[in-house]
Amino acid sequence: MSDYYNAFEISPVPDPGPDAVPPELFRGIYGMPMFATIPTSDLVASVDFWTRGLGFFELFGIPGRLVHLRRWAFQDVLLVSAESAPEQAPAISVSFSCVLSQVDSIVEACRALRPDSVDGPRDTPWNTRDVAVITPENARIILTAAKPFDPASQEARNLAAIGITPPDVVRGDNEERA
């Protein structure tokens, strides 16, 4: 018996890899364990950017008041009408998983809609490729795609240095964190 629990069993995020396929957009209703609420002074423009740029869809809306957007299961955003939006993006961000094959098309779609909205993509020391997007309402959204894990990579060494090791490698205090 292993102490390792494969969390991918409960997640819509596919195992990382160059051929990873994103899950279908999820249209079911569930109790949302987490969601972001983002105020916007132009609900129509915001919905357009989130759907055509970031790949969300409209689950439902209350005309002129709010729109519930979603991508995969558990990737929910409520856009709510507000008198104004922040003049610049805050330091805080909201991150959404994607797969590597989606990164370039997200970048292209967002730049087509708002040329200066995208920063990246960038590879991170923790083995992801991230794109930062500033939406019309000045929300900082990160689309993050896990890269295939290479146990001989610098990223693997970075993770091992903080005690995160893959289950088939060395077991140590990582078991206590599982």
Protein backbone atom coordinates (compact mmCIF):
# COMPACT_ATOMS: atom_id res chain seq x y z
CA MET A 1 0.00 0.00 0.00
CA SER A 2 1.25 3.45 -0.86
CA ASP A 3 0.85 6.66 1.11
CA TYR A 4 0.81 8.48 -2.21
CA TYR A 5 -2.57 9.78 -3.33
CA ASN A 6 -2.95 10.65 -6.99
CA ALA A 7 -4.80 13.96 -6.72
CA PHE A 8 -5.35 13.96 -10.47
CA GLU A 9 -8.16 11.46 -9.76
CA ILE A 10 -10.37 14.29 -8.43
CA SER A 11 -9.12 17.09 -10.67
CA PRO A 12 -10.25 18.02 -14.17
CA VAL A 13 -6.61 18.90 -14.94
CA PRO A 14 -5.05 16.19 -17.13
CA ASP A 15 -1.67 14.65 -16.39
CA PRO A 16 1.05 16.95 -17.80
CA GLY A 17 2.52 16.06 -21.15
CA PRO A 18 2.99 17.31 -24.68
CA ASP A 19 -0.13 15.43 -25.80
CA ALA A 20 -2.32 16.42 -22.84
CA VAL A 21 -5.86 17.14 -23.95
CA PRO A 22 -7.88 19.73 -22.07
CA PRO A 23 -11.11 18.50 -20.54
CA GLU A 24 -14.41 19.46 -22.10
CA LEU A 25 -16.00 22.68 -20.93
CA PHE A 26 -18.14 21.73 -17.94
CA ARG A 27 -21.75 22.92 -18.08
CA GLY A 28 -23.07 21.11 -15.00
CA ILE A 29 -24.25 22.79 -11.82
CA TYR A 30 -22.37 22.07 -8.59
CA GLY A 31 -21.56 23.71 -5.27
CA MET A 32 -18.57 25.86 -6.19
CA PRO A 33 -15.61 25.23 -3.85
CA MET A 34 -13.99 28.46 -5.06
CA PHE A 35 -14.72 31.25 -7.52
CA ALA A 36 -13.52 34.74 -8.33
CA THR A 37 -15.83 37.75 -8.35
CA ILE A 38 -14.58 40.52 -10.63
CA PRO A 39 -16.24 43.93 -10.91
CA THR A 40 -16.51 45.46 -14.37
CA SER A 41 -17.83 48.75 -15.65
CA ASP A 42 -18.48 47.20 -19.10
CA LEU A 43 -20.05 43.79 -18.67
CA VAL A 44 -20.44 43.19 -22.42
CA ALA A 45 -16.77 43.96 -23.22
CA SER A 46 -15.59 41.87 -20.29
CA VAL A 47 -17.68 38.85 -21.29
CA ASP A 48 -16.38 39.17 -24.87
CA PHE A 49 -12.74 39.17 -23.73
CA TRP A 50 -13.16 36.31 -21.27
CA THR A 51 -14.98 34.14 -23.81
CA ARG A 52 -13.05 34.89 -27.01
CA GLY A 53 -9.65 35.50 -25.36
CA LEU A 54 -9.48 33.26 -22.32
CA GLY A 55 -11.77 30.44 -23.48
CA PHE A 56 -14.53 30.75 -20.89
CA PHE A 57 -18.23 30.35 -21.71
CA GLU A 58 -21.32 31.96 -20.24
CA LEU A 59 -23.00 29.53 -17.86
CA PHE A 60 -25.77 32.00 -17.05
CA GLY A 61 -26.35 35.68 -16.53
CA ILE A 62 -28.63 38.27 -14.99
CA PRO A 63 -28.86 40.97 -17.69
CA GLY A 64 -26.96 44.11 -16.74
CA ARG A 65 -25.97 42.72 -13.33
CA LEU A 66 -23.73 39.66 -13.52
CA VAL A 67 -22.48 36.87 -15.75
CA HIS A 68 -21.28 33.50 -14.45
CA LEU A 69 -18.40 32.29 -16.63
CA ARG A 70 -16.68 28.91 -16.59
CA ARG A 71 -13.96 26.95 -18.40
CA TRP A 72 -13.28 23.56 -16.87
CA ALA A 73 -14.99 22.22 -13.77
CA PHE A 74 -14.09 24.38 -10.76
CA GLN A 75 -12.88 27.29 -12.92
CA ASP A 76 -15.68 29.75 -12.21
CA VAL A 77 -15.74 33.55 -12.45
CA LEU A 78 -18.57 35.94 -11.67
CA LEU A 79 -18.33 39.20 -13.59
CA VAL A 80 -20.46 41.76 -11.77
CA SER A 81 -21.51 45.23 -12.90
CA ALA A 82 -19.78 48.05 -11.06
CA GLU A 83 -19.58 51.80 -11.42
CA SER A 84 -15.85 51.58 -12.17
CA ALA A 85 -12.96 49.17 -12.39
CA PRO A 86 -9.48 49.67 -10.92
CA GLU A 87 -7.26 51.94 -13.01
CA GLN A 88 -4.45 49.40 -12.92
CA ALA A 89 -4.14 45.71 -12.21
CA PRO A 90 -3.57 44.80 -8.56
CA ALA A 91 -0.60 42.69 -7.46
CA ILE A 92 -2.94 39.81 -6.62
CA SER A 93 -3.75 37.38 -9.41
CA VAL A 94 -6.11 34.49 -10.07
CA SER A 95 -4.63 31.44 -11.80
CA PHE A 96 -6.40 28.94 -14.03
CA SER A 97 -4.94 25.68 -15.32
CA CYS A 98 -4.64 25.02 -19.01
CA VAL A 99 -2.59 22.57 -21.05
CA LEU A 100 0.55 23.37 -23.02
CA SER A 101 -1.22 23.09 -26.36
CA GLN A 102 -3.56 25.94 -25.33
CA VAL A 103 -0.91 28.49 -24.34
CA ASP A 104 -0.10 29.87 -27.80
CA SER A 105 -3.74 30.14 -28.89
CA ILE A 106 -4.67 31.96 -25.66
CA VAL A 107 -1.80 34.40 -26.20
CA GLU A 108 -2.85 35.01 -29.82
CA ALA A 109 -6.54 35.44 -28.98
CA CYS A 110 -5.90 37.85 -26.11
CA ARG A 111 -3.41 39.91 -28.13
CA ALA A 112 -5.89 40.10 -31.02
CA LEU A 113 -8.51 41.53 -28.66
CA ARG A 114 -6.20 43.72 -26.53
CA PRO A 115 -2.64 43.97 -27.94
CA ASP A 116 -0.97 44.94 -24.65
CA SER A 117 -2.87 42.51 -22.43
CA VAL A 118 -0.38 39.61 -22.38
CA ASP A 119 2.91 39.11 -20.55
CA GLY A 120 4.67 35.88 -21.45
CA PRO A 121 4.58 32.99 -21.87
CA ARG A 122 7.30 32.23 -19.34
CA ASP A 123 8.67 28.96 -18.02
CA THR A 124 8.79 28.84 -14.22
CA PRO A 125 11.26 27.17 -11.85
CA TRP A 126 8.39 24.93 -10.63
CA ASN A 127 7.86 23.34 -14.06
CA THR A 128 4.98 25.30 -15.58
CA ARG A 129 4.55 27.61 -18.54
CA ASP A 130 2.60 30.69 -17.47
CA VAL A 131 0.91 33.54 -19.29
CA ALA A 132 -0.19 36.66 -17.43
CA VAL A 133 -3.19 38.46 -18.92
CA ILE A 134 -4.65 41.80 -17.86
CA THR A 135 -8.37 41.75 -18.62
CA PRO A 136 -10.49 44.79 -19.60
CA GLU A 137 -11.52 45.24 -15.96
CA ASN A 138 -7.82 45.17 -14.94
CA ALA A 139 -7.86 41.74 -13.32
CA ARG A 140 -4.52 39.91 -13.42
CA ILE A 141 -5.23 36.39 -14.69
CA ILE A 142 -2.54 33.71 -14.96
CA LEU A 143 -3.04 30.77 -17.29
CA THR A 144 -0.68 28.04 -16.13
CA ALA A 145 0.21 24.80 -17.92
CA ALA A 146 2.20 22.02 -16.28
CA LYS A 147 5.17 20.89 -18.33
CA PRO A 148 6.12 17.21 -18.61
CA PHE A 149 8.17 16.21 -15.58
CA ASP A 150 11.79 15.34 -16.30
CA PRO A 151 13.48 13.93 -13.18
CA ALA A 152 16.87 15.07 -14.53
CA SER A 153 15.77 18.69 -15.11
CA GLN A 154 16.64 21.82 -13.18
CA GLU A 155 12.95 22.17 -12.33
CA ALA A 156 13.03 18.70 -10.68
CA ARG A 157 16.09 19.76 -8.68
CA ASN A 158 14.31 23.00 -7.68
CA LEU A 159 11.30 21.03 -6.44
CA ALA A 160 13.46 18.42 -4.66
CA ALA A 161 15.30 21.25 -2.86
CA ILE A 162 12.06 22.20 -1.12
CA GLY A 163 11.06 18.60 -0.39
CA ILE A 164 8.78 17.85 -3.33
CA THR A 165 9.75 14.60 -5.01
CA PRO A 166 7.79 12.40 -7.40
CA PRO A 167 6.30 9.31 -5.76
CA ASP A 168 8.57 6.88 -7.63
CA VAL A 169 11.80 8.61 -6.63
CA VAL A 170 12.94 9.23 -3.06
CA ARG A 171 10.50 9.17 -0.17
CA GLY A 172 11.30 11.44 2.70
CA ASP A 173 9.43 14.05 4.62
CA ASN A 174 7.31 14.54 1.50
CA GLU A 175 5.13 11.70 2.86
CA GLU A 176 4.18 13.92 5.78
CA ARG A 177 2.98 16.61 3.34
CA ALA A 178 0.76 14.27 1.32
